[in-house]
Amino acid sequence: MKKTERDKITDKLDKVWAEVVKSKAGYKCEVCNLSDGRLNAHHIEGRRNLRLRWDLRNGVCLCSGCHMFRKESAHQSPEWFHFWLEECRWEDLQYIMCVRNEIKKWSIEELQIKLSELLK
């Protein structure tokens, strides 16, 4: 299936967003400080939420263990991760909780503007 212009911009936004999240964290896991190259950009509020999908406050740089595989990880223990967010990223968590129910429909022009902002 041929990708639409919107799909291409969305894919690029996802990649750029992830790279900026990791860069802002100094290419280290924000939980354990590991910097071995197996880093993931984790969405605090899931990617389906278009209001927050490319908002940098909604991203956390995590190693694969802290992201998915350890008992205390963002995916294995959402409760633990929420407590970590309260302790380490309180302002971002409060912001996310305030705007998470807002609905956002992106025009192609808005997606392009967001991509330009992230590339700066």
C-alpha atoms as a PDB file:
ATOM      1  CA  MET A   1       0.000   0.000   0.000  1.00  0.00           C
ATOM      2  CA  LYS A   2       1.359   3.419  -0.953  1.00  0.00           C
ATOM      3  CA  LYS A   3       1.859   5.826   1.938  1.00  0.00           C
ATOM      4  CA  THR A   4      -0.007   9.110   1.912  1.00  0.00           C
ATOM      5  CA  GLU A   5       1.711  12.432   2.558  1.00  0.00           C
ATOM      6  CA  ARG A   6       0.162  12.431   6.053  1.00  0.00           C
ATOM      7  CA  ASP A   7       1.585   8.943   6.744  1.00  0.00           C
ATOM      8  CA  LYS A   8       5.053  10.013   5.594  1.00  0.00           C
ATOM      9  CA  ILE A   9       5.025  13.130   7.793  1.00  0.00           C
ATOM     10  CA  THR A  10       3.685  11.116  10.747  1.00  0.00           C
ATOM     11  CA  ASP A  11       6.466   8.538  10.376  1.00  0.00           C
ATOM     12  CA  LYS A  12       9.093  11.272  10.210  1.00  0.00           C
ATOM     13  CA  LEU A  13       7.573  13.047  13.229  1.00  0.00           C
ATOM     14  CA  ASP A  14       7.698   9.797  15.232  1.00  0.00           C
ATOM     15  CA  LYS A  15      11.393   9.301  14.405  1.00  0.00           C
ATOM     16  CA  VAL A  16      12.385  12.907  15.061  1.00  0.00           C
ATOM     17  CA  TRP A  17      10.365  13.043  18.306  1.00  0.00           C
ATOM     18  CA  ALA A  18      12.081   9.877  19.566  1.00  0.00           C
ATOM     19  CA  GLU A  19      15.525  11.229  18.703  1.00  0.00           C
ATOM     20  CA  VAL A  20      14.856  14.557  20.443  1.00  0.00           C
ATOM     21  CA  VAL A  21      13.546  12.785  23.580  1.00  0.00           C
ATOM     22  CA  LYS A  22      16.764  10.733  23.750  1.00  0.00           C
ATOM     23  CA  SER A  23      18.945  13.762  23.020  1.00  0.00           C
ATOM     24  CA  LYS A  24      17.279  15.841  25.762  1.00  0.00           C
ATOM     25  CA  ALA A  25      18.089  13.032  28.225  1.00  0.00           C
ATOM     26  CA  GLY A  26      21.738  13.052  27.178  1.00  0.00           C
ATOM     27  CA  TYR A  27      21.344   9.618  25.585  1.00  0.00           C
ATOM     28  CA  LYS A  28      20.964   8.022  29.024  1.00  0.00           C
ATOM     29  CA  CYS A  29      18.073   6.161  30.588  1.00  0.00           C
ATOM     30  CA  GLU A  30      16.265   8.648  32.811  1.00  0.00           C
ATOM     31  CA  VAL A  31      15.595   5.916  35.402  1.00  0.00           C
ATOM     32  CA  CYS A  32      18.902   4.006  35.710  1.00  0.00           C
ATOM     33  CA  ASN A  33      21.354   6.217  33.728  1.00  0.00           C
ATOM     34  CA  LEU A  34      22.349   3.349  31.418  1.00  0.00           C
ATOM     35  CA  SER A  35      23.736   4.604  28.110  1.00  0.00           C
ATOM     36  CA  ASP A  36      24.485   1.452  26.149  1.00  0.00           C
ATOM     37  CA  GLY A  37      22.737   2.382  22.916  1.00  0.00           C
ATOM     38  CA  ARG A  38      19.567   0.347  23.489  1.00  0.00           C
ATOM     39  CA  LEU A  39      17.492   3.372  24.362  1.00  0.00           C
ATOM     40  CA  ASN A  40      13.797   3.877  23.669  1.00  0.00           C
ATOM     41  CA  ALA A  41      11.652   6.988  23.686  1.00  0.00           C
ATOM     42  CA  HIS A  42       8.600   6.067  25.757  1.00  0.00           C
ATOM     43  CA  HIS A  43       5.285   7.924  25.545  1.00  0.00           C
ATOM     44  CA  ILE A  44       3.872   8.636  28.992  1.00  0.00           C
ATOM     45  CA  GLU A  45       0.412   9.009  27.453  1.00  0.00           C
ATOM     46  CA  GLY A  46       0.170   6.529  24.573  1.00  0.00           C
ATOM     47  CA  ARG A  47       0.754   7.341  20.895  1.00  0.00           C
ATOM     48  CA  ARG A  48      -2.964   7.142  20.147  1.00  0.00           C
ATOM     49  CA  ASN A  49      -3.377  10.437  21.973  1.00  0.00           C
ATOM     50  CA  LEU A  50      -2.708  12.828  19.095  1.00  0.00           C
ATOM     51  CA  ARG A  51      -2.814  15.851  21.392  1.00  0.00           C
ATOM     52  CA  LEU A  52       0.336  14.581  23.141  1.00  0.00           C
ATOM     53  CA  ARG A  53       1.929  12.232  20.607  1.00  0.00           C
ATOM     54  CA  TRP A  54       4.740  14.604  19.610  1.00  0.00           C
ATOM     55  CA  ASP A  55       4.855  16.721  22.766  1.00  0.00           C
ATOM     56  CA  LEU A  56       8.323  16.405  24.293  1.00  0.00           C
ATOM     57  CA  ARG A  57       6.860  16.594  27.810  1.00  0.00           C
ATOM     58  CA  ASN A  58       5.145  13.303  26.990  1.00  0.00           C
ATOM     59  CA  GLY A  59       8.439  11.509  26.320  1.00  0.00           C
ATOM     60  CA  VAL A  60      10.872   9.672  28.580  1.00  0.00           C
ATOM     61  CA  CYS A  61      14.182   8.164  27.476  1.00  0.00           C
ATOM     62  CA  LEU A  62      14.412   4.621  28.850  1.00  0.00           C
ATOM     63  CA  CYS A  63      16.739   1.675  28.356  1.00  0.00           C
ATOM     64  CA  SER A  64      15.003  -1.478  27.139  1.00  0.00           C
ATOM     65  CA  GLY A  65      14.944  -2.894  30.682  1.00  0.00           C
ATOM     66  CA  CYS A  66      13.312   0.154  32.264  1.00  0.00           C
ATOM     67  CA  HIS A  67      11.000   0.451  29.277  1.00  0.00           C
ATOM     68  CA  MET A  68       9.668  -3.084  28.959  1.00  0.00           C
ATOM     69  CA  PHE A  69      11.582  -5.952  30.513  1.00  0.00           C
ATOM     70  CA  ARG A  70      12.286  -5.397  34.201  1.00  0.00           C
ATOM     71  CA  LYS A  71       9.689  -6.097  36.851  1.00  0.00           C
ATOM     72  CA  GLU A  72       9.803  -2.381  37.650  1.00  0.00           C
ATOM     73  CA  SER A  73       9.471  -0.932  34.146  1.00  0.00           C
ATOM     74  CA  ALA A  74       7.102   1.417  32.377  1.00  0.00           C
ATOM     75  CA  HIS A  75       5.192  -1.411  30.677  1.00  0.00           C
ATOM     76  CA  GLN A  76       5.451  -4.198  33.277  1.00  0.00           C
ATOM     77  CA  SER A  77       4.458  -1.993  36.205  1.00  0.00           C
ATOM     78  CA  PRO A  78       2.514   1.137  35.200  1.00  0.00           C
ATOM     79  CA  GLU A  79       1.865   1.872  38.883  1.00  0.00           C
ATOM     80  CA  TRP A  80       5.592   1.909  39.645  1.00  0.00           C
ATOM     81  CA  PHE A  81       6.228   4.111  36.606  1.00  0.00           C
ATOM     82  CA  HIS A  82       3.519   6.542  37.694  1.00  0.00           C
ATOM     83  CA  PHE A  83       5.197   6.885  41.109  1.00  0.00           C
ATOM     84  CA  TRP A  84       8.545   7.444  39.369  1.00  0.00           C
ATOM     85  CA  LEU A  85       6.946  10.159  37.241  1.00  0.00           C
ATOM     86  CA  GLU A  86       5.479  11.827  40.331  1.00  0.00           C
ATOM     87  CA  GLU A  87       8.916  11.870  41.942  1.00  0.00           C
ATOM     88  CA  CYS A  88      11.075  12.766  38.928  1.00  0.00           C
ATOM     89  CA  ARG A  89       8.863  14.458  36.339  1.00  0.00           C
ATOM     90  CA  TRP A  90       6.086  16.018  38.441  1.00  0.00           C
ATOM     91  CA  GLU A  91       5.521  19.112  36.279  1.00  0.00           C
ATOM     92  CA  ASP A  92       5.333  17.089  33.064  1.00  0.00           C
ATOM     93  CA  LEU A  93       2.937  14.596  34.644  1.00  0.00           C
ATOM     94  CA  GLN A  94       0.670  17.402  35.847  1.00  0.00           C
ATOM     95  CA  TYR A  95       0.685  18.984  32.383  1.00  0.00           C
ATOM     96  CA  ILE A  96      -0.155  15.646  30.738  1.00  0.00           C
ATOM     97  CA  MET A  97      -3.003  15.004  33.170  1.00  0.00           C
ATOM     98  CA  CYS A  98      -4.442  18.448  32.378  1.00  0.00           C
ATOM     99  CA  VAL A  99      -4.411  18.139  28.576  1.00  0.00           C
ATOM    100  CA  ARG A 100      -4.755  14.394  27.965  1.00  0.00           C
ATOM    101  CA  ASN A 101      -8.487  14.564  27.230  1.00  0.00           C
ATOM    102  CA  GLU A 102      -8.232  17.377  24.702  1.00  0.00           C
ATOM    103  CA  ILE A 103      -8.909  16.218  21.159  1.00  0.00           C
ATOM    104  CA  LYS A 104      -6.460  17.281  18.463  1.00  0.00           C
ATOM    105  CA  LYS A 105      -6.924  16.764  14.747  1.00  0.00           C
ATOM    106  CA  TRP A 106      -3.771  17.695  12.871  1.00  0.00           C
ATOM    107  CA  SER A 107      -3.858  19.239   9.415  1.00  0.00           C
ATOM    108  CA  ILE A 108      -0.960  18.399   7.110  1.00  0.00           C
ATOM    109  CA  GLU A 109       0.257  21.981   7.509  1.00  0.00           C
ATOM    110  CA  GLU A 110       0.212  21.675  11.315  1.00  0.00           C
ATOM    111  CA  LEU A 111       2.127  18.388  11.105  1.00  0.00           C
ATOM    112  CA  GLN A 112       4.761  20.059   8.934  1.00  0.00           C
ATOM    113  CA  ILE A 113       5.054  22.958  11.397  1.00  0.00           C
ATOM    114  CA  LYS A 114       5.452  20.521  14.305  1.00  0.00           C
ATOM    115  CA  LEU A 115       8.152  18.648  12.376  1.00  0.00           C
ATOM    116  CA  SER A 116      10.010  21.920  11.758  1.00  0.00           C
ATOM    117  CA  GLU A 117       9.796  22.781  15.464  1.00  0.00           C
ATOM    118  CA  LEU A 118      11.213  19.411  16.505  1.00  0.00           C
ATOM    119  CA  LEU A 119      14.031  19.641  13.965  1.00  0.00           C
ATOM    120  CA  LYS A 120      15.277  22.917  15.517  1.00  0.00           C
END
